[in-house]
Amino acid sequence: MKEISRRNLVQGGIGAAVLASADSAAAAPSFRTPQVNLYSRDLPRAVAFYRQFGFKETFRTPETGQIEHIELTLDGFVLGIATFEAARKTHKLHPGGEGHWSEIVVRTDDVDGAVKALVEKGAPLITAPHDFAGGALRAGWVADPDGNPVQVYQQKA
């Protein structure tokens, strides 16, 4: 099976592609390197928000000029953030609509302190930190600049 890199796919404007040789056409596909993509109305603001958690830039397109898509990584997790316009123009996607259908989840050792710091920096509080799962977990939710929920949790002793 011949592989095309993610960087080439994104720069080429292709959502996903695999070139299969004739003898592997019946083979089941394998997948790796999952990530979550969000769409943002204000990409620089969204990137600044997620950098507070320790995310580091690992990819962007285009390489110079106004960013249309960026990938940030934290502890092996990849978060892609793209503009609505790039999704429409490049991939003919139409993200949006009512509601928020996904969330980003990050683990910390001090939920109360982390949520307080994020709120002090302007993140809207969705749900104050509270215990659940029989007291084994504690979590709070804030919103990113586009209103997507971000769960901040800790596993208690």
N, C-alpha and C. Protein backbone atom coordinates (compact mmCIF):
# COMPACT_ATOMS: atom_id res chain seq x y z
N MET A 1 0.84 -1.17 0.00
CA MET A 1 0.00 0.00 0.00
C MET A 1 0.89 1.23 0.00
N LYS A 2 0.66 2.14 -0.87
CA LYS A 2 1.44 3.36 -0.96
C LYS A 2 0.77 4.44 -0.12
N GLU A 3 1.56 5.19 0.62
CA GLU A 3 1.03 6.16 1.57
C GLU A 3 1.29 7.59 1.12
N ILE A 4 0.35 8.47 1.40
CA ILE A 4 0.51 9.90 1.13
C ILE A 4 0.58 10.59 2.49
N SER A 5 1.55 11.48 2.68
CA SER A 5 1.69 12.14 3.98
C SER A 5 0.55 13.11 4.23
N ARG A 6 0.23 13.33 5.52
CA ARG A 6 -0.82 14.28 5.91
C ARG A 6 -0.51 15.67 5.40
N ARG A 7 0.74 16.07 5.48
CA ARG A 7 1.14 17.40 5.02
C ARG A 7 0.80 17.58 3.55
N ASN A 8 1.11 16.56 2.72
CA ASN A 8 0.78 16.66 1.30
C ASN A 8 -0.73 16.68 1.08
N LEU A 9 -1.47 15.93 1.89
CA LEU A 9 -2.92 15.92 1.75
C LEU A 9 -3.51 17.28 2.04
N VAL A 10 -3.08 17.89 3.14
CA VAL A 10 -3.62 19.19 3.52
C VAL A 10 -3.23 20.25 2.51
N GLN A 11 -1.95 20.28 2.13
CA GLN A 11 -1.50 21.28 1.18
C GLN A 11 -2.13 21.07 -0.19
N GLY A 12 -2.44 19.84 -0.53
CA GLY A 12 -3.05 19.55 -1.81
C GLY A 12 -4.56 19.72 -1.80
N GLY A 13 -5.13 19.99 -0.63
CA GLY A 13 -6.56 20.20 -0.53
C GLY A 13 -7.38 18.93 -0.57
N ILE A 14 -6.77 17.80 -0.23
CA ILE A 14 -7.49 16.53 -0.23
C ILE A 14 -7.74 16.15 1.22
N GLY A 15 -8.97 15.77 1.55
CA GLY A 15 -9.33 15.41 2.93
C GLY A 15 -8.66 14.13 3.37
N ALA A 16 -8.71 13.06 2.57
CA ALA A 16 -8.06 11.80 2.91
C ALA A 16 -7.88 11.01 1.63
N ALA A 17 -6.77 10.34 1.52
CA ALA A 17 -6.54 9.55 0.33
C ALA A 17 -5.56 8.43 0.64
N VAL A 18 -5.80 7.30 0.03
CA VAL A 18 -4.87 6.17 0.11
C VAL A 18 -4.80 5.57 -1.27
N LEU A 19 -3.60 5.36 -1.75
CA LEU A 19 -3.42 4.69 -3.03
C LEU A 19 -3.13 3.23 -2.75
N ALA A 20 -3.98 2.35 -3.23
CA ALA A 20 -3.81 0.92 -2.98
C ALA A 20 -3.31 0.24 -4.24
N SER A 21 -2.41 -0.69 -4.06
CA SER A 21 -1.98 -1.48 -5.21
C SER A 21 -3.06 -2.51 -5.51
N ALA A 22 -3.06 -3.08 -6.69
CA ALA A 22 -4.10 -4.01 -7.12
C ALA A 22 -4.20 -5.22 -6.20
N ASP A 23 -3.07 -5.73 -5.69
CA ASP A 23 -3.11 -6.93 -4.86
C ASP A 23 -3.58 -6.67 -3.43
N SER A 24 -3.69 -5.41 -3.01
CA SER A 24 -4.13 -5.13 -1.64
C SER A 24 -5.52 -4.50 -1.59
N ALA A 25 -6.23 -4.54 -2.71
CA ALA A 25 -7.54 -3.89 -2.78
C ALA A 25 -8.54 -4.48 -1.78
N ALA A 26 -8.44 -5.77 -1.45
CA ALA A 26 -9.39 -6.40 -0.55
C ALA A 26 -8.96 -6.30 0.91
N ALA A 27 -7.75 -5.85 1.17
CA ALA A 27 -7.25 -5.76 2.54
C ALA A 27 -7.99 -4.68 3.31
N ALA A 28 -8.26 -4.97 4.58
CA ALA A 28 -8.91 -3.98 5.43
C ALA A 28 -7.95 -2.83 5.70
N PRO A 29 -8.46 -1.60 5.72
CA PRO A 29 -7.57 -0.46 5.98
C PRO A 29 -7.14 -0.45 7.44
N SER A 30 -5.99 0.12 7.69
CA SER A 30 -5.54 0.34 9.06
C SER A 30 -5.42 1.84 9.26
N PHE A 31 -5.61 2.28 10.45
CA PHE A 31 -5.59 3.70 10.74
C PHE A 31 -4.61 3.97 11.86
N ARG A 32 -4.12 5.20 11.94
CA ARG A 32 -3.22 5.59 13.01
C ARG A 32 -3.23 7.12 13.12
N THR A 33 -2.59 7.61 14.14
CA THR A 33 -2.44 9.03 14.38
C THR A 33 -3.77 9.78 14.34
N PRO A 34 -4.72 9.40 15.20
CA PRO A 34 -5.99 10.13 15.21
C PRO A 34 -5.81 11.54 15.76
N GLN A 35 -6.68 12.41 15.35
CA GLN A 35 -6.69 13.76 15.88
C GLN A 35 -8.10 14.31 15.82
N VAL A 36 -8.33 15.38 16.52
CA VAL A 36 -9.60 16.08 16.49
C VAL A 36 -9.36 17.41 15.79
N ASN A 37 -10.27 17.78 14.88
CA ASN A 37 -10.20 19.07 14.22
C ASN A 37 -11.37 19.93 14.68
N LEU A 38 -11.08 21.18 14.99
CA LEU A 38 -12.10 22.16 15.30
C LEU A 38 -12.08 23.22 14.21
N TYR A 39 -13.18 23.91 14.04
CA TYR A 39 -13.25 25.03 13.11
C TYR A 39 -13.45 26.29 13.92
N SER A 40 -12.71 27.34 13.55
CA SER A 40 -12.71 28.56 14.35
C SER A 40 -13.02 29.79 13.51
N ARG A 41 -13.73 30.72 14.12
CA ARG A 41 -14.00 32.01 13.48
C ARG A 41 -12.84 32.97 13.70
N ASP A 42 -11.99 32.69 14.69
CA ASP A 42 -10.84 33.55 15.02
C ASP A 42 -9.67 32.63 15.36
N LEU A 43 -8.98 32.17 14.33
CA LEU A 43 -7.93 31.16 14.50
C LEU A 43 -6.81 31.61 15.44
N PRO A 44 -6.25 32.82 15.30
CA PRO A 44 -5.19 33.22 16.23
C PRO A 44 -5.65 33.20 17.69
N ARG A 45 -6.87 33.61 17.94
CA ARG A 45 -7.40 33.60 19.31
C ARG A 45 -7.55 32.17 19.82
N ALA A 46 -8.04 31.26 18.98
CA ALA A 46 -8.18 29.86 19.37
C ALA A 46 -6.81 29.24 19.67
N VAL A 47 -5.83 29.53 18.83
CA VAL A 47 -4.48 28.99 19.04
C VAL A 47 -3.92 29.50 20.37
N ALA A 48 -4.07 30.78 20.64
CA ALA A 48 -3.59 31.34 21.91
C ALA A 48 -4.27 30.66 23.09
N PHE A 49 -5.56 30.39 22.97
CA PHE A 49 -6.30 29.72 24.04
C PHE A 49 -5.71 28.34 24.31
N TYR A 50 -5.53 27.53 23.28
CA TYR A 50 -5.05 26.16 23.50
C TYR A 50 -3.58 26.11 23.90
N ARG A 51 -2.80 27.13 23.56
CA ARG A 51 -1.40 27.16 24.01
C ARG A 51 -1.32 27.28 25.53
N GLN A 52 -2.34 27.83 26.17
CA GLN A 52 -2.36 27.92 27.64
C GLN A 52 -2.29 26.55 28.30
N PHE A 53 -2.75 25.52 27.59
CA PHE A 53 -2.74 24.16 28.13
C PHE A 53 -1.40 23.47 27.90
N GLY A 54 -0.53 24.10 27.13
CA GLY A 54 0.77 23.52 26.82
C GLY A 54 0.87 22.94 25.42
N PHE A 55 -0.17 23.12 24.59
CA PHE A 55 -0.11 22.66 23.20
C PHE A 55 0.99 23.41 22.45
N LYS A 56 1.72 22.68 21.61
CA LYS A 56 2.80 23.26 20.80
C LYS A 56 2.48 23.08 19.32
N GLU A 57 2.79 24.08 18.53
CA GLU A 57 2.55 24.00 17.09
C GLU A 57 3.46 22.96 16.46
N THR A 58 2.85 22.07 15.64
CA THR A 58 3.63 21.05 14.94
C THR A 58 3.44 21.11 13.43
N PHE A 59 2.45 21.86 12.97
CA PHE A 59 2.17 21.96 11.53
C PHE A 59 1.26 23.14 11.29
N ARG A 60 1.44 23.79 10.13
CA ARG A 60 0.53 24.86 9.71
C ARG A 60 0.53 24.94 8.19
N THR A 61 -0.59 25.40 7.65
CA THR A 61 -0.67 25.67 6.23
C THR A 61 -1.52 26.90 6.00
N PRO A 62 -1.11 27.79 5.12
CA PRO A 62 0.18 27.75 4.44
C PRO A 62 1.32 28.03 5.42
N GLU A 63 2.55 27.74 4.98
CA GLU A 63 3.69 27.92 5.86
C GLU A 63 3.96 29.38 6.17
N THR A 64 3.59 30.28 5.25
CA THR A 64 3.73 31.71 5.49
C THR A 64 2.39 32.39 5.19
N GLY A 65 2.20 33.54 5.78
CA GLY A 65 0.96 34.26 5.56
C GLY A 65 -0.11 33.84 6.56
N GLN A 66 -1.34 34.20 6.24
CA GLN A 66 -2.46 33.92 7.14
C GLN A 66 -2.73 32.41 7.22
N ILE A 67 -2.77 31.89 8.44
CA ILE A 67 -2.95 30.45 8.67
C ILE A 67 -4.38 30.05 8.33
N GLU A 68 -4.51 28.93 7.61
CA GLU A 68 -5.82 28.35 7.32
C GLU A 68 -6.07 27.11 8.18
N HIS A 69 -5.00 26.40 8.51
CA HIS A 69 -5.09 25.18 9.32
C HIS A 69 -3.81 25.08 10.12
N ILE A 70 -3.94 24.72 11.40
CA ILE A 70 -2.78 24.55 12.26
C ILE A 70 -2.99 23.28 13.08
N GLU A 71 -1.91 22.62 13.40
CA GLU A 71 -1.98 21.45 14.27
C GLU A 71 -1.13 21.72 15.50
N LEU A 72 -1.73 21.45 16.65
CA LEU A 72 -1.09 21.64 17.94
C LEU A 72 -1.04 20.28 18.63
N THR A 73 0.06 20.00 19.33
CA THR A 73 0.23 18.70 19.96
C THR A 73 0.51 18.86 21.45
N LEU A 74 -0.09 17.99 22.25
CA LEU A 74 0.15 17.93 23.68
C LEU A 74 0.15 16.47 24.10
N ASP A 75 1.28 16.01 24.61
CA ASP A 75 1.39 14.65 25.13
C ASP A 75 0.93 13.60 24.12
N GLY A 76 1.26 13.81 22.86
CA GLY A 76 0.91 12.86 21.81
C GLY A 76 -0.45 13.07 21.17
N PHE A 77 -1.27 13.95 21.73
CA PHE A 77 -2.60 14.24 21.18
C PHE A 77 -2.49 15.40 20.20
N VAL A 78 -3.08 15.23 19.03
CA VAL A 78 -3.02 16.27 18.00
C VAL A 78 -4.39 16.94 17.88
N LEU A 79 -4.38 18.26 17.98
CA LEU A 79 -5.57 19.08 17.82
C LEU A 79 -5.37 19.94 16.58
N GLY A 80 -6.22 19.75 15.59
CA GLY A 80 -6.18 20.59 14.41
C GLY A 80 -7.23 21.69 14.54
N ILE A 81 -6.88 22.89 14.11
CA ILE A 81 -7.83 24.00 14.12
C ILE A 81 -7.76 24.66 12.75
N ALA A 82 -8.90 24.80 12.11
CA ALA A 82 -8.96 25.39 10.78
C ALA A 82 -10.01 26.50 10.74
N THR A 83 -9.87 27.37 9.77
CA THR A 83 -10.87 28.41 9.60
C THR A 83 -12.09 27.83 8.88
N PHE A 84 -13.26 28.42 9.13
CA PHE A 84 -14.47 28.01 8.43
C PHE A 84 -14.30 28.23 6.93
N GLU A 85 -13.68 29.35 6.57
CA GLU A 85 -13.49 29.68 5.16
C GLU A 85 -12.61 28.64 4.46
N ALA A 86 -11.53 28.21 5.10
CA ALA A 86 -10.67 27.19 4.49
C ALA A 86 -11.42 25.89 4.30
N ALA A 87 -12.26 25.53 5.27
CA ALA A 87 -13.05 24.29 5.15
C ALA A 87 -13.97 24.38 3.94
N ARG A 88 -14.58 25.54 3.75
CA ARG A 88 -15.49 25.71 2.61
C ARG A 88 -14.72 25.75 1.29
N LYS A 89 -13.70 26.60 1.23
CA LYS A 89 -12.96 26.84 0.00
C LYS A 89 -12.14 25.62 -0.43
N THR A 90 -11.40 25.04 0.50
CA THR A 90 -10.48 23.97 0.17
C THR A 90 -11.15 22.61 0.06
N HIS A 91 -12.09 22.33 0.98
CA HIS A 91 -12.65 20.99 1.06
C HIS A 91 -14.15 20.91 0.76
N LYS A 92 -14.77 22.07 0.49
CA LYS A 92 -16.21 22.12 0.23
C LYS A 92 -17.02 21.58 1.40
N LEU A 93 -16.49 21.79 2.62
CA LEU A 93 -17.20 21.43 3.84
C LEU A 93 -17.96 22.65 4.34
N HIS A 94 -19.00 22.40 5.10
CA HIS A 94 -19.80 23.49 5.65
C HIS A 94 -20.00 23.28 7.15
N PRO A 95 -18.90 23.44 7.93
CA PRO A 95 -19.02 23.23 9.37
C PRO A 95 -19.88 24.33 9.99
N GLY A 96 -20.41 24.03 11.12
CA GLY A 96 -21.22 25.03 11.83
C GLY A 96 -22.55 24.45 12.20
N GLY A 97 -23.49 25.30 12.39
CA GLY A 97 -24.81 24.87 12.81
C GLY A 97 -25.01 25.12 14.29
N GLU A 98 -26.13 24.70 14.78
CA GLU A 98 -26.47 24.93 16.17
C GLU A 98 -25.80 23.90 17.07
N GLY A 99 -25.44 24.33 18.25
CA GLY A 99 -24.90 23.41 19.25
C GLY A 99 -23.41 23.16 19.11
N HIS A 100 -22.88 22.52 20.09
CA HIS A 100 -21.47 22.12 20.11
C HIS A 100 -21.47 20.61 20.32
N TRP A 101 -20.99 19.89 19.34
CA TRP A 101 -21.14 18.44 19.31
C TRP A 101 -19.89 17.68 19.73
N SER A 102 -18.87 18.39 20.17
CA SER A 102 -17.67 17.72 20.63
C SER A 102 -17.02 18.58 21.70
N GLU A 103 -16.07 17.99 22.41
CA GLU A 103 -15.33 18.77 23.40
C GLU A 103 -13.90 18.27 23.44
N ILE A 104 -13.03 19.12 23.90
CA ILE A 104 -11.64 18.77 24.13
C ILE A 104 -11.52 18.45 25.61
N VAL A 105 -10.76 17.41 25.96
CA VAL A 105 -10.58 17.01 27.35
C VAL A 105 -9.09 17.00 27.65
N VAL A 106 -8.71 17.67 28.75
CA VAL A 106 -7.31 17.67 29.19
C VAL A 106 -7.27 17.31 30.66
N ARG A 107 -6.22 16.60 31.04
CA ARG A 107 -6.06 16.18 32.43
C ARG A 107 -5.06 17.09 33.13
N THR A 108 -5.30 17.34 34.40
CA THR A 108 -4.41 18.17 35.19
C THR A 108 -4.34 17.60 36.60
N ASP A 109 -3.45 18.14 37.42
CA ASP A 109 -3.35 17.71 38.81
C ASP A 109 -4.16 18.60 39.75
N ASP A 110 -4.60 19.77 39.26
CA ASP A 110 -5.33 20.73 40.09
C ASP A 110 -6.43 21.39 39.26
N VAL A 111 -7.58 20.76 39.20
CA VAL A 111 -8.70 21.27 38.40
C VAL A 111 -9.10 22.67 38.85
N ASP A 112 -9.27 22.85 40.15
CA ASP A 112 -9.74 24.14 40.64
C ASP A 112 -8.79 25.27 40.24
N GLY A 113 -7.50 25.05 40.43
CA GLY A 113 -6.52 26.06 40.05
C GLY A 113 -6.47 26.30 38.56
N ALA A 114 -6.55 25.23 37.78
CA ALA A 114 -6.49 25.36 36.32
C ALA A 114 -7.70 26.11 35.78
N VAL A 115 -8.89 25.73 36.23
CA VAL A 115 -10.12 26.40 35.76
C VAL A 115 -10.10 27.86 36.18
N LYS A 116 -9.68 28.13 37.40
CA LYS A 116 -9.61 29.52 37.88
C LYS A 116 -8.66 30.34 36.99
N ALA A 117 -7.50 29.78 36.67
CA ALA A 117 -6.53 30.50 35.83
C ALA A 117 -7.09 30.76 34.43
N LEU A 118 -7.78 29.78 33.86
CA LEU A 118 -8.35 29.95 32.52
C LEU A 118 -9.45 31.01 32.53
N VAL A 119 -10.29 31.00 33.54
CA VAL A 119 -11.37 31.99 33.66
C VAL A 119 -10.78 33.39 33.85
N GLU A 120 -9.73 33.49 34.66
CA GLU A 120 -9.08 34.79 34.87
C GLU A 120 -8.49 35.34 33.59
N LYS A 121 -8.12 34.45 32.66
CA LYS A 121 -7.57 34.88 31.37
C LYS A 121 -8.67 35.08 30.33
N GLY A 122 -9.93 34.96 30.74
CA GLY A 122 -11.03 35.29 29.83
C GLY A 122 -11.86 34.13 29.32
N ALA A 123 -11.53 32.90 29.67
CA ALA A 123 -12.33 31.77 29.21
C ALA A 123 -13.67 31.76 29.96
N PRO A 124 -14.79 31.69 29.24
CA PRO A 124 -16.08 31.62 29.92
C PRO A 124 -16.22 30.30 30.69
N LEU A 125 -16.71 30.39 31.91
CA LEU A 125 -16.95 29.21 32.72
C LEU A 125 -18.27 28.57 32.28
N ILE A 126 -18.23 27.28 31.97
CA ILE A 126 -19.46 26.55 31.64
C ILE A 126 -19.98 25.84 32.88
N THR A 127 -19.11 25.07 33.55
CA THR A 127 -19.48 24.35 34.76
C THR A 127 -18.31 24.41 35.73
N ALA A 128 -18.58 24.84 36.94
CA ALA A 128 -17.54 24.91 37.96
C ALA A 128 -17.04 23.51 38.30
N PRO A 129 -15.79 23.40 38.75
CA PRO A 129 -15.26 22.09 39.13
C PRO A 129 -16.14 21.40 40.18
N HIS A 130 -16.33 20.10 39.97
CA HIS A 130 -17.14 19.30 40.88
C HIS A 130 -16.70 17.84 40.79
N ASP A 131 -16.94 17.11 41.86
CA ASP A 131 -16.61 15.69 41.90
C ASP A 131 -17.71 14.88 41.23
N PHE A 132 -17.33 13.76 40.63
CA PHE A 132 -18.30 12.81 40.07
C PHE A 132 -17.65 11.45 40.01
N ALA A 133 -18.34 10.48 39.46
CA ALA A 133 -17.86 9.09 39.39
C ALA A 133 -17.51 8.58 40.79
N GLY A 134 -18.43 8.82 41.71
CA GLY A 134 -18.22 8.34 43.07
C GLY A 134 -17.07 9.03 43.78
N GLY A 135 -16.72 10.23 43.34
CA GLY A 135 -15.62 10.97 43.96
C GLY A 135 -14.26 10.65 43.38
N ALA A 136 -14.19 9.76 42.39
CA ALA A 136 -12.90 9.38 41.80
C ALA A 136 -12.36 10.43 40.84
N LEU A 137 -13.25 11.25 40.28
CA LEU A 137 -12.84 12.26 39.32
C LEU A 137 -13.39 13.63 39.73
N ARG A 138 -12.69 14.66 39.32
CA ARG A 138 -13.13 16.04 39.53
C ARG A 138 -12.93 16.76 38.20
N ALA A 139 -13.94 17.51 37.77
CA ALA A 139 -13.84 18.18 36.47
C ALA A 139 -14.59 19.49 36.47
N GLY A 140 -14.15 20.37 35.61
CA GLY A 140 -14.83 21.63 35.34
C GLY A 140 -14.74 21.89 33.85
N TRP A 141 -15.64 22.73 33.34
CA TRP A 141 -15.67 23.03 31.90
C TRP A 141 -15.57 24.53 31.68
N VAL A 142 -14.76 24.90 30.69
CA VAL A 142 -14.70 26.27 30.19
C VAL A 142 -14.99 26.21 28.69
N ALA A 143 -15.19 27.37 28.08
CA ALA A 143 -15.41 27.42 26.64
C ALA A 143 -14.19 28.03 25.96
N ASP A 144 -13.87 27.52 24.78
CA ASP A 144 -12.81 28.14 23.99
C ASP A 144 -13.40 29.37 23.30
N PRO A 145 -12.59 30.12 22.54
CA PRO A 145 -13.10 31.35 21.93
C PRO A 145 -14.28 31.15 20.97
N ASP A 146 -14.48 29.94 20.47
CA ASP A 146 -15.61 29.68 19.57
C ASP A 146 -16.77 29.00 20.28
N GLY A 147 -16.70 28.90 21.61
CA GLY A 147 -17.79 28.31 22.37
C GLY A 147 -17.71 26.81 22.54
N ASN A 148 -16.66 26.16 22.00
CA ASN A 148 -16.51 24.72 22.18
C ASN A 148 -16.17 24.41 23.63
N PRO A 149 -16.83 23.42 24.23
CA PRO A 149 -16.51 23.09 25.61
C PRO A 149 -15.15 22.40 25.74
N VAL A 150 -14.45 22.77 26.80
CA VAL A 150 -13.17 22.15 27.14
C VAL A 150 -13.30 21.62 28.56
N GLN A 151 -13.18 20.30 28.71
CA GLN A 151 -13.25 19.68 30.02
C GLN A 151 -11.83 19.62 30.60
N VAL A 152 -11.68 20.09 31.83
CA VAL A 152 -10.42 20.01 32.55
C VAL A 152 -10.71 19.08 33.74
N TYR A 153 -9.96 17.98 33.84
CA TYR A 153 -10.27 17.01 34.90
C TYR A 153 -9.02 16.53 35.61
N GLN A 154 -9.25 15.96 36.78
CA GLN A 154 -8.19 15.30 37.50
C GLN A 154 -8.74 14.01 38.09
N GLN A 155 -7.86 13.04 38.16
CA GLN A 155 -8.21 11.78 38.80
C GLN A 155 -7.78 11.90 40.25
N LYS A 156 -8.73 11.68 41.15
CA LYS A 156 -8.43 11.82 42.56
C LYS A 156 -7.92 10.50 43.12
N ALA A 157 -7.22 10.59 44.26
CA ALA A 157 -6.62 9.40 44.88
C ALA A 157 -7.62 8.37 45.28
